[in-house]
């Protein structure tokens, strides 16, 4: 039986995409959402962590993404 790399790949991709300030930041300093500002705050880190956990749970548990490499 080969190991399941699906959760690892999904977690790495989501970690990169949901890094606060890289693509977007919720909440931003002056608006609700800003794109590509490369700045962050404590509340923004919390919001992005909750988004990461929710999306990861949906993709890995509910949808069941599996990648098996022989």
C-alpha atoms as a PDB file:
ATOM      1  CA  UNK A   1       0.000   0.000   0.000  1.00  0.00           C
ATOM      2  CA  UNK A   2       1.456   3.323  -1.041  1.00  0.00           C
ATOM      3  CA  UNK A   3       1.201   6.393   1.196  1.00  0.00           C
ATOM      4  CA  UNK A   4      -1.534   8.962   0.580  1.00  0.00           C
ATOM      5  CA  UNK A   5       0.034  12.269  -0.488  1.00  0.00           C
ATOM      6  CA  UNK A   6      -3.275  14.054  -1.120  1.00  0.00           C
ATOM      7  CA  UNK A   7      -3.582  15.812   2.251  1.00  0.00           C
ATOM      8  CA  UNK A   8       0.085  16.868   2.140  1.00  0.00           C
ATOM      9  CA  UNK A   9      -0.161  18.384  -1.344  1.00  0.00           C
ATOM     10  CA  UNK A  10      -3.457  20.122  -0.575  1.00  0.00           C
ATOM     11  CA  UNK A  11      -2.099  21.547   2.701  1.00  0.00           C
ATOM     12  CA  UNK A  12       1.078  22.900   1.051  1.00  0.00           C
ATOM     13  CA  UNK A  13      -0.826  24.522  -1.819  1.00  0.00           C
ATOM     14  CA  UNK A  14      -3.394  26.075   0.526  1.00  0.00           C
ATOM     15  CA  UNK A  15      -0.661  27.292   2.882  1.00  0.00           C
ATOM     16  CA  UNK A  16       1.013  29.129   0.007  1.00  0.00           C
ATOM     17  CA  UNK A  17      -2.205  30.523  -1.477  1.00  0.00           C
ATOM     18  CA  UNK A  18      -3.770  31.556   1.834  1.00  0.00           C
ATOM     19  CA  UNK A  19      -0.722  33.301   3.277  1.00  0.00           C
ATOM     20  CA  UNK A  20      -1.976  36.698   4.471  1.00  0.00           C
ATOM     21  CA  UNK A  21      -0.977  39.445   2.080  1.00  0.00           C
ATOM     22  CA  UNK A  22       0.277  37.215  -0.742  1.00  0.00           C
ATOM     23  CA  UNK A  23      -2.860  37.056  -2.897  1.00  0.00           C
ATOM     24  CA  UNK A  24      -5.317  38.828  -0.600  1.00  0.00           C
ATOM     25  CA  UNK A  25      -5.721  39.935   2.993  1.00  0.00           C
ATOM     26  CA  UNK A  26      -8.936  39.779   5.024  1.00  0.00           C
ATOM     27  CA  UNK A  27      -9.426  42.101   6.953  1.00  0.00           C
ATOM     28  CA  UNK A  28      -7.056  44.684   5.551  1.00  0.00           C
ATOM     29  CA  UNK A  29      -5.813  47.790   7.312  1.00  0.00           C
ATOM     30  CA  UNK A  30      -8.029  50.292   5.495  1.00  0.00           C
ATOM     31  CA  UNK A  31     -10.642  48.103   3.765  1.00  0.00           C
ATOM     32  CA  UNK A  32     -12.373  44.777   4.222  1.00  0.00           C
ATOM     33  CA  UNK A  33     -10.161  43.087   1.605  1.00  0.00           C
ATOM     34  CA  UNK A  34      -6.969  44.095  -0.180  1.00  0.00           C
ATOM     35  CA  UNK A  35      -5.104  42.253  -2.898  1.00  0.00           C
ATOM     36  CA  UNK A  36      -1.322  41.738  -3.000  1.00  0.00           C
ATOM     37  CA  UNK A  37      -0.349  44.249  -0.325  1.00  0.00           C
ATOM     38  CA  UNK A  38       2.236  41.940   1.403  1.00  0.00           C
ATOM     39  CA  UNK A  39       1.234  43.275   4.848  1.00  0.00           C
ATOM     40  CA  UNK A  40      -0.391  41.420   7.702  1.00  0.00           C
ATOM     41  CA  UNK A  41      -1.889  41.802  11.157  1.00  0.00           C
ATOM     42  CA  UNK A  42      -2.830  39.499  14.000  1.00  0.00           C
ATOM     43  CA  UNK A  43      -6.522  39.383  13.129  1.00  0.00           C
ATOM     44  CA  UNK A  44      -5.662  38.730   9.478  1.00  0.00           C
ATOM     45  CA  UNK A  45      -3.515  35.752  10.508  1.00  0.00           C
ATOM     46  CA  UNK A  46      -6.422  34.401  12.563  1.00  0.00           C
ATOM     47  CA  UNK A  47      -8.922  34.816   9.712  1.00  0.00           C
ATOM     48  CA  UNK A  48      -6.591  33.145   7.201  1.00  0.00           C
ATOM     49  CA  UNK A  49      -5.901  30.265   9.648  1.00  0.00           C
ATOM     50  CA  UNK A  50      -9.640  29.633  10.020  1.00  0.00           C
ATOM     51  CA  UNK A  51     -10.078  29.768   6.223  1.00  0.00           C
ATOM     52  CA  UNK A  52      -7.149  27.347   5.790  1.00  0.00           C
ATOM     53  CA  UNK A  53      -8.614  24.869   8.288  1.00  0.00           C
ATOM     54  CA  UNK A  54     -12.115  25.027   6.756  1.00  0.00           C
ATOM     55  CA  UNK A  55     -10.986  24.619   3.148  1.00  0.00           C
ATOM     56  CA  UNK A  56      -8.490  21.863   4.058  1.00  0.00           C
ATOM     57  CA  UNK A  57     -11.170  19.969   5.975  1.00  0.00           C
ATOM     58  CA  UNK A  58     -13.637  20.246   3.106  1.00  0.00           C
ATOM     59  CA  UNK A  59     -11.123  19.103   0.491  1.00  0.00           C
ATOM     60  CA  UNK A  60      -9.539  16.260   2.459  1.00  0.00           C
ATOM     61  CA  UNK A  61     -12.406  14.911   4.568  1.00  0.00           C
ATOM     62  CA  UNK A  62     -15.616  15.782   2.722  1.00  0.00           C
ATOM     63  CA  UNK A  63     -14.431  15.494  -0.878  1.00  0.00           C
ATOM     64  CA  UNK A  64     -11.655  13.000  -0.128  1.00  0.00           C
ATOM     65  CA  UNK A  65      -8.702  14.021  -2.286  1.00  0.00           C
ATOM     66  CA  UNK A  66      -6.196  11.152  -2.533  1.00  0.00           C
ATOM     67  CA  UNK A  67      -2.874  10.965  -4.390  1.00  0.00           C
ATOM     68  CA  UNK A  68      -1.158   7.569  -4.331  1.00  0.00           C
ATOM     69  CA  UNK A  69       2.373   7.315  -5.736  1.00  0.00           C
ATOM     70  CA  UNK A  70       3.806   3.862  -6.420  1.00  0.00           C
END
